[in-house]
Every structure is written in C-alpha cells, then in structure tokens.
Amino acid sequence: MKFWIGITDNEWYKYLSTIQPDEINFWQPGAGGFKALEPGEPFLFKLHYPDHFIVGGGFFVRYTQLPLSLMWDVFGNKNGAEDYHTLYKLIMKRRSGSGADDHNPSVGCIILNSPFFFPRELWIEPPVDLKKNIVRGKTYDTQERIGSEVWQKVEHHLQMMNYELITTGEVPVAAEGARYGDYYLQKARLGQGAFRVLVTDAYQRRCSITGERTLPALDAAHIKPFSESGPNYTRNGLLIRSDIHKLFDKGYVTITPDYNIEVSKRIKEEYENGREYYAYHGRKLITLPDNLKDRPSKEYLEWHNNNKYFG
C-alpha cells in the first residue's frame, strides 16, 4: 500500500484538530495537481519545522480544482479556516505572482475523508529521508522497509485511539493488501463536500438536464435524500441547476430509470407557469458520467419516481 506524507501548515492543522471534521480539504494555493495516491490510500500530515512530526492524516478521495468562492461554499471551515476572509488571506499569502485583483483564484483541492489527529504524546518522528527542506511531501510504500515502519506506528496509534479502521464492517481501509479505488469510494463514509465534488466532476461540470456550465448555479442533488438514508454515493447523485434541484426535491421533476426527464403537470396546475421546465419533459439527460459505476442507480431513480414525484 502506498501513502503520502504531506507537509502541513501548523495553524491549518491546529484549527482542524480542534473542530474534528468528518472530511478535510487539504488545499494547494495554486492548481498544480496531485497524482501521488489512488482513492482510499492514506495521506499523512507532517508539520513544518520546528514541529517536525507526523501528527495525523486522512484518506484520499479526489484531487480537483475549484474557484476559491466555491471551495468555501463546498467545504466551509473544513478548509482549515474559521471564515472566508481568513481563508482568502491564507491562500493569497502563499500564491506567487497573483495580482491584487485576483479575487476568486482557482485552488487545488486534495479531498480527504475520515481524518484523524494524534494527541501530542503520539506524534511520530518522520522518516530520516523526509528532509526538513522538502516543501510538498513524499510517497512511501508499506512494501518497503521505511514505509512499513512508519505505517506500523500510525496503525498502532490509531488502535490506541480506538479509531475505526474498518469503514463498513467488511474491509479494513488501512489493512495491508486491502483493495482501494472504486471499492473504497463505494464503501467509505464520504462527507457532503466530497459527494458534491465527485458528482460535479463525474458530470463534467455540466447540468445533466439543461447543459448549464456556470458552476455556482449547479447543485449536486441526492436522488434519495440524505435525510432519508440516501448515501453520499455518486450513483445517488445528479448534477442539476439549482432551480431544478428544488423542483426535483419537491417532486415536481424526476428522472426515470432509463434517464428520461419527466415534469409534473402540477407545476402548471398550482403555479400557472412552468413553460421553461415543460420544454425538458420527455427528453433524455444531456450529460451522464463516463464511468458507468457513477451513473444514476436505477434503484434510487425508482425510489424517487415512487416516493417523491407527483406525476
């Protein structure tokens, strides 16, 4: 198993360890990319000198790039700052060559779920080859001696903290030889922010009904609501324009299991309006995820048809 030890801002870590969120956005001030891990692999935090220690971590979900305003909208204080103004100052301080008018820059987002934070007495000495002058971090492998030694310490400390290494009672996420990738994303307890990003990227940032591409106007909608035990799985999601999202949640719009759009006659009956929405009635979804495993589940679509839609 591979894992990454990322160099972490001390104040960022201190704030998040205080609020103990269910997911984290480990942001990069620029949009340089991150390809070191597969989904489900561990991402460990090492503080800057003089606190040269491994102090916690999380499990990698996805790397993406978001405008700063949307990044705050999606993750809020899980970005490691108590408010938008503080986050903006932190990012702009670390961006090179940015102008004063760069009010909404694109920011790299490394999304992590199930984060853990070691108490001070359990901080771990980093590997000797992780020099203090390394800026971003380094990949390790548990099949190699150094990686194995580090991960054994991490696993031991997690057990001391009674941290749940098993996400579903079936497969230990952190266990040697565990399968990651699609299986992990299907089984792990993904947070709302991760769900929104996964759905947004799966639909190529385009409304599945209208084709709208203006990101702030798009919502990642649950087909079966989270409040009714609908999971944060991509196959339980649709990317749709925010006004249609409201109609979908209230039962005025639905999607059939063969991906046809249906618009209830009750919009006209109750509001004497809805011409724009009826234009989509009977059409197929414009956009579907390329990955078949990310496409809307017929099970969830049938649930929405039978339990939410007015007809």
Protein backbone atom coordinates (compact mmCIF):
# COMPACT_ATOMS: atom_id res chain seq x y z
CA MET A 1 0.00 0.00 0.00
CA LYS A 2 1.24 3.47 -0.83
CA PHE A 3 0.75 6.53 1.34
CA TRP A 4 1.78 10.17 1.17
CA ILE A 5 3.34 12.29 3.89
CA GLY A 6 2.31 15.85 3.13
CA ILE A 7 3.88 18.93 4.66
CA THR A 8 1.13 20.68 6.58
CA ASP A 9 0.67 24.26 7.74
CA ASN A 10 0.82 24.27 11.54
CA GLU A 11 -2.10 26.68 12.01
CA TRP A 12 -4.20 24.77 9.48
CA TYR A 13 -3.64 21.57 11.43
CA LYS A 14 -4.23 23.18 14.80
CA TYR A 15 -7.58 24.61 13.72
CA LEU A 16 -8.84 21.37 12.17
CA SER A 17 -7.70 19.25 15.12
CA THR A 18 -9.86 21.49 17.29
CA ILE A 19 -13.06 21.14 15.25
CA GLN A 20 -12.51 17.43 14.32
CA PRO A 21 -14.40 17.45 10.97
CA ASP A 22 -15.60 14.37 9.09
CA GLU A 23 -13.71 15.44 5.95
CA ILE A 24 -10.98 17.90 5.03
CA ASN A 25 -9.85 19.94 2.06
CA PHE A 26 -6.06 19.93 2.00
CA TRP A 27 -5.80 22.86 -0.38
CA GLN A 28 -2.87 23.94 -2.52
CA PRO A 29 -2.57 27.69 -3.16
CA GLY A 30 -2.05 27.02 -6.86
CA ALA A 31 -3.56 24.42 -9.15
CA GLY A 32 -0.52 22.24 -9.70
CA GLY A 33 -2.20 18.84 -9.49
CA PHE A 34 -1.75 15.78 -7.28
CA LYS A 35 -1.23 12.26 -8.66
CA ALA A 36 0.61 10.53 -5.82
CA LEU A 37 -2.31 8.46 -4.46
CA GLU A 38 -5.22 6.33 -5.56
CA PRO A 39 -8.62 6.84 -3.90
CA GLY A 40 -8.67 5.35 -0.42
CA GLU A 41 -4.92 5.50 0.19
CA PRO A 42 -3.68 7.31 3.31
CA PHE A 43 -2.47 10.89 3.34
CA LEU A 44 -0.46 11.76 6.46
CA PHE A 45 0.21 15.21 7.89
CA LYS A 46 3.70 16.36 8.88
CA LEU A 47 4.07 19.76 10.47
CA HIS A 48 6.61 22.37 9.47
CA TYR A 49 9.82 22.75 11.46
CA PRO A 50 10.27 23.11 14.44
CA ASP A 51 7.34 20.67 14.95
CA HIS A 52 8.95 18.12 12.66
CA PHE A 53 6.45 15.30 13.35
CA ILE A 54 3.71 13.24 11.72
CA VAL A 55 0.60 14.37 13.54
CA GLY A 56 -2.41 12.80 11.79
CA GLY A 57 -3.91 12.17 8.40
CA GLY A 58 -6.91 11.08 6.36
CA PHE A 59 -7.82 9.02 3.32
CA PHE A 60 -7.56 10.36 -0.21
CA VAL A 61 -10.81 10.81 -2.13
CA ARG A 62 -10.13 13.10 -5.08
CA TYR A 63 -7.98 15.93 -6.38
CA THR A 64 -9.80 18.73 -8.18
CA GLN A 65 -9.57 22.45 -8.82
CA LEU A 66 -12.25 24.89 -7.65
CA PRO A 67 -12.70 28.64 -7.63
CA LEU A 68 -11.99 29.87 -4.11
CA SER A 69 -15.57 31.04 -3.56
CA LEU A 70 -16.98 27.64 -4.50
CA MET A 71 -14.32 25.87 -2.44
CA TRP A 72 -15.59 27.76 0.62
CA ASP A 73 -19.19 27.06 -0.33
CA VAL A 74 -18.48 23.33 -0.54
CA PHE A 75 -16.20 22.81 2.47
CA GLY A 76 -16.60 25.88 4.70
CA ASN A 77 -14.38 25.71 7.77
CA LYS A 78 -13.26 22.22 6.75
CA ASN A 79 -10.80 24.17 4.59
CA GLY A 80 -8.93 24.89 7.83
CA ALA A 81 -10.05 28.48 8.41
CA GLU A 82 -12.88 29.86 10.52
CA ASP A 83 -14.25 32.19 7.82
CA TYR A 84 -13.91 33.03 4.14
CA HIS A 85 -11.87 36.20 4.72
CA THR A 86 -9.27 34.29 6.74
CA LEU A 87 -9.06 31.56 4.10
CA TYR A 88 -8.65 34.12 1.32
CA LYS A 89 -5.75 35.79 3.14
CA LEU A 90 -4.05 32.45 3.79
CA ILE A 91 -4.25 31.44 0.14
CA MET A 92 -3.23 34.78 -1.34
CA LYS A 93 -0.26 34.94 1.04
CA ARG A 94 1.01 31.69 -0.45
CA ARG A 95 0.27 32.34 -4.11
CA SER A 96 3.19 33.60 -6.15
CA GLY A 97 2.61 36.12 -8.91
CA SER A 98 -1.03 36.77 -8.01
CA GLY A 99 -2.40 40.23 -8.56
CA ALA A 100 -4.41 42.17 -6.03
CA ASP A 101 -7.46 41.85 -8.29
CA ASP A 102 -7.31 38.04 -8.24
CA HIS A 103 -10.44 37.91 -6.11
CA ASN A 104 -11.54 34.37 -6.96
CA PRO A 105 -8.49 32.27 -7.90
CA SER A 106 -8.58 28.60 -8.87
CA VAL A 107 -7.27 26.50 -5.99
CA GLY A 108 -6.05 22.91 -5.91
CA CYS A 109 -8.15 20.72 -3.60
CA ILE A 110 -6.95 17.41 -2.15
CA ILE A 111 -10.08 15.98 -0.55
CA LEU A 112 -9.61 13.67 2.40
CA ASN A 113 -12.18 11.84 4.47
CA SER A 114 -12.17 10.10 7.86
CA PRO A 115 -9.40 12.38 9.19
CA PHE A 116 -7.55 11.59 12.41
CA PHE A 117 -5.47 13.80 14.69
CA PHE A 118 -2.88 12.40 17.07
CA PRO A 119 -2.58 13.88 20.56
CA ARG A 120 0.82 15.45 21.23
CA GLU A 121 2.17 12.40 23.05
CA LEU A 122 1.51 10.22 19.98
CA TRP A 123 3.25 12.39 17.39
CA ILE A 124 5.59 10.31 15.23
CA GLU A 125 9.14 11.07 14.15
CA PRO A 126 9.18 11.28 10.32
CA PRO A 127 11.42 9.02 8.21
CA VAL A 128 15.04 10.12 8.08
CA ASP A 129 14.81 10.68 4.32
CA LEU A 130 11.97 13.20 4.73
CA LYS A 131 14.25 16.21 4.99
CA LYS A 132 13.17 19.48 6.56
CA ASN A 133 13.63 21.30 3.26
CA ILE A 134 11.04 19.18 1.39
CA VAL A 135 8.20 21.54 0.57
CA ARG A 136 5.24 19.38 -0.52
CA GLY A 137 5.77 15.83 0.70
CA LYS A 138 6.80 12.36 -0.35
CA THR A 139 5.29 8.97 -1.25
CA TYR A 140 6.06 5.83 0.74
CA ASP A 141 5.17 2.17 0.25
CA THR A 142 4.41 -0.33 3.01
CA GLN A 143 6.13 -3.00 0.90
CA GLU A 144 9.41 -1.20 1.63
CA ARG A 145 11.15 -1.06 4.99
CA ILE A 146 10.84 2.67 5.73
CA GLY A 147 7.20 2.83 4.66
CA SER A 148 6.34 -0.29 6.62
CA GLU A 149 7.92 1.06 9.81
CA VAL A 150 6.05 4.35 9.57
CA TRP A 151 2.71 2.76 8.81
CA GLN A 152 3.03 0.27 11.67
CA LYS A 153 3.41 3.20 14.06
CA VAL A 154 0.44 5.00 12.53
CA GLU A 155 -1.73 1.90 12.74
CA HIS A 156 -0.66 1.28 16.34
CA HIS A 157 -1.56 4.83 17.35
CA LEU A 158 -4.92 4.61 15.61
CA GLN A 159 -5.70 1.46 17.54
CA MET A 160 -4.73 3.20 20.78
CA MET A 161 -7.19 5.97 19.87
CA ASN A 162 -9.93 3.42 19.06
CA TYR A 163 -10.10 4.88 15.57
CA GLU A 164 -12.31 2.82 13.25
CA LEU A 165 -10.04 1.40 10.59
CA ILE A 166 -12.98 -0.56 9.19
CA THR A 167 -15.42 1.67 7.36
CA THR A 168 -18.24 -0.83 6.81
CA GLY A 169 -17.52 -3.87 8.94
CA GLU A 170 -16.25 -5.64 5.82
CA VAL A 171 -12.86 -4.42 4.65
CA PRO A 172 -10.22 -2.62 6.74
CA VAL A 173 -9.48 0.58 4.85
CA ALA A 174 -5.99 0.70 6.29
CA ALA A 175 -5.25 -3.01 6.21
CA GLU A 176 -2.34 -4.48 4.30
CA GLY A 177 -3.48 -5.78 0.95
CA ALA A 178 -6.84 -4.00 1.04
CA ARG A 179 -8.30 -3.06 -2.32
CA TYR A 180 -8.74 0.64 -2.90
CA GLY A 181 -10.12 2.68 -5.80
CA ASP A 182 -13.74 2.19 -6.77
CA TYR A 183 -14.42 -0.25 -3.92
CA TYR A 184 -13.30 2.28 -1.34
CA LEU A 185 -15.41 5.08 -2.79
CA GLN A 186 -18.44 2.79 -2.77
CA LYS A 187 -17.93 1.69 0.83
CA ALA A 188 -16.37 4.64 2.65
CA ARG A 189 -18.42 7.16 4.58
CA LEU A 190 -17.96 10.11 2.25
CA GLY A 191 -18.82 13.57 3.51
CA GLN A 192 -21.17 16.03 1.86
CA GLY A 193 -18.32 18.08 0.39
CA ALA A 194 -16.68 15.03 -1.17
CA PHE A 195 -20.05 13.95 -2.56
CA ARG A 196 -20.57 17.34 -4.17
CA VAL A 197 -17.13 17.35 -5.78
CA LEU A 198 -17.38 13.74 -7.02
CA VAL A 199 -20.78 14.37 -8.61
CA THR A 200 -19.69 17.70 -10.10
CA ASP A 201 -16.62 16.17 -11.74
CA ALA A 202 -18.46 12.99 -12.82
CA TYR A 203 -20.87 15.13 -14.87
CA GLN A 204 -18.02 17.17 -16.41
CA ARG A 205 -19.29 20.24 -14.50
CA ARG A 206 -22.39 20.41 -16.68
CA CYS A 207 -26.06 20.26 -15.68
CA SER A 208 -27.39 16.85 -16.68
CA ILE A 209 -30.77 18.34 -17.72
CA THR A 210 -30.03 21.77 -19.22
CA GLY A 211 -26.34 21.63 -20.08
CA GLU A 212 -25.64 24.71 -17.93
CA ARG A 213 -21.93 25.10 -17.12
CA THR A 214 -21.94 28.01 -14.64
CA LEU A 215 -20.58 26.25 -11.55
CA PRO A 216 -22.19 28.44 -8.86
CA ALA A 217 -25.59 27.70 -10.41
CA LEU A 218 -25.16 23.90 -10.23
CA ASP A 219 -26.03 21.60 -7.35
CA ALA A 220 -25.09 18.01 -6.60
CA ALA A 221 -28.54 16.63 -5.84
CA HIS A 222 -29.21 13.43 -3.93
CA ILE A 223 -31.72 11.24 -5.74
CA LYS A 224 -32.71 9.57 -2.47
CA PRO A 225 -32.26 12.33 0.13
CA PHE A 226 -29.50 12.04 2.69
CA SER A 227 -32.14 12.73 5.37
CA GLU A 228 -33.93 9.55 4.27
CA SER A 229 -30.84 7.31 4.36
CA GLY A 230 -29.71 8.19 0.86
CA PRO A 231 -25.93 7.62 0.76
CA ASN A 232 -23.26 10.05 -0.46
CA TYR A 233 -22.52 7.84 -3.47
CA THR A 234 -22.05 9.29 -6.94
CA ARG A 235 -24.67 6.86 -8.25
CA ASN A 236 -27.14 8.50 -5.84
CA GLY A 237 -26.39 11.92 -7.33
CA LEU A 238 -27.29 14.19 -10.22
CA LEU A 239 -25.68 17.46 -11.20
CA ILE A 240 -28.53 19.86 -11.93
CA ARG A 241 -29.23 23.57 -11.96
CA SER A 242 -30.24 24.89 -8.55
CA ASP A 243 -33.82 25.85 -9.51
CA ILE A 244 -34.44 22.39 -10.98
CA HIS A 245 -32.85 20.86 -7.90
CA LYS A 246 -35.58 22.47 -5.78
CA LEU A 247 -38.28 21.14 -8.09
CA PHE A 248 -36.65 17.69 -8.05
CA ASP A 249 -36.54 17.59 -4.24
CA LYS A 250 -40.19 18.70 -4.02
CA GLY A 251 -41.38 16.10 -6.52
CA TYR A 252 -42.20 18.31 -9.50
CA VAL A 253 -39.41 16.80 -11.62
CA THR A 254 -37.99 13.30 -11.77
CA ILE A 255 -35.72 11.12 -13.89
CA THR A 256 -36.92 7.69 -14.99
CA PRO A 257 -34.69 4.61 -14.70
CA ASP A 258 -33.94 4.90 -18.45
CA TYR A 259 -32.80 8.51 -17.91
CA ASN A 260 -35.83 10.33 -19.33
CA ILE A 261 -36.84 13.65 -17.78
CA GLU A 262 -40.40 13.97 -16.51
CA VAL A 263 -42.01 17.22 -15.38
CA SER A 264 -45.20 17.10 -13.34
CA LYS A 265 -48.39 18.73 -14.66
CA ARG A 266 -48.87 20.09 -11.15
CA ILE A 267 -46.44 22.95 -11.81
CA LYS A 268 -48.98 24.46 -14.21
CA GLU A 269 -51.96 23.48 -12.04
CA GLU A 270 -50.54 25.00 -8.87
CA TYR A 271 -48.49 27.92 -10.23
CA GLU A 272 -49.96 28.61 -13.69
CA ASN A 273 -46.45 28.58 -15.05
CA GLY A 274 -43.56 26.27 -15.91
CA ARG A 275 -43.19 26.64 -19.68
CA GLU A 276 -39.39 26.52 -19.45
CA TYR A 277 -39.47 23.29 -17.44
CA TYR A 278 -42.01 21.55 -19.67
CA ALA A 279 -39.59 22.05 -22.57
CA TYR A 280 -37.41 19.35 -20.98
CA HIS A 281 -40.26 16.85 -20.48
CA GLY A 282 -39.63 13.58 -22.32
CA ARG A 283 -36.01 14.38 -23.17
CA LYS A 284 -33.02 12.27 -22.23
CA LEU A 285 -30.42 13.58 -19.82
CA ILE A 286 -27.88 15.67 -21.71
CA THR A 287 -24.91 14.58 -19.61
CA LEU A 288 -24.11 11.29 -17.90
CA PRO A 289 -20.85 10.22 -16.21
CA ASP A 290 -18.38 8.44 -18.47
CA ASN A 291 -17.78 5.88 -15.74
CA LEU A 292 -20.76 3.52 -15.73
CA LYS A 293 -20.36 2.98 -11.98
CA ASP A 294 -21.01 6.69 -11.40
CA ARG A 295 -24.26 6.82 -13.36
CA PRO A 296 -27.56 7.22 -11.50
CA SER A 297 -28.67 3.96 -9.95
CA LYS A 298 -31.97 2.60 -11.26
CA GLU A 299 -32.77 1.64 -7.67
CA TYR A 300 -32.52 5.24 -6.45
CA LEU A 301 -34.31 6.62 -9.51
CA GLU A 302 -37.20 4.20 -8.96
CA TRP A 303 -37.33 5.29 -5.32
CA HIS A 304 -37.63 8.92 -6.37
CA ASN A 305 -40.29 8.09 -9.00
CA ASN A 306 -42.36 6.15 -6.46
CA ASN A 307 -41.85 8.23 -3.32
CA LYS A 308 -41.30 11.84 -4.41
CA TYR A 309 -42.69 12.50 -7.87
CA PHE A 310 -46.24 13.85 -8.18
CA GLY A 311 -46.82 12.63 -11.73
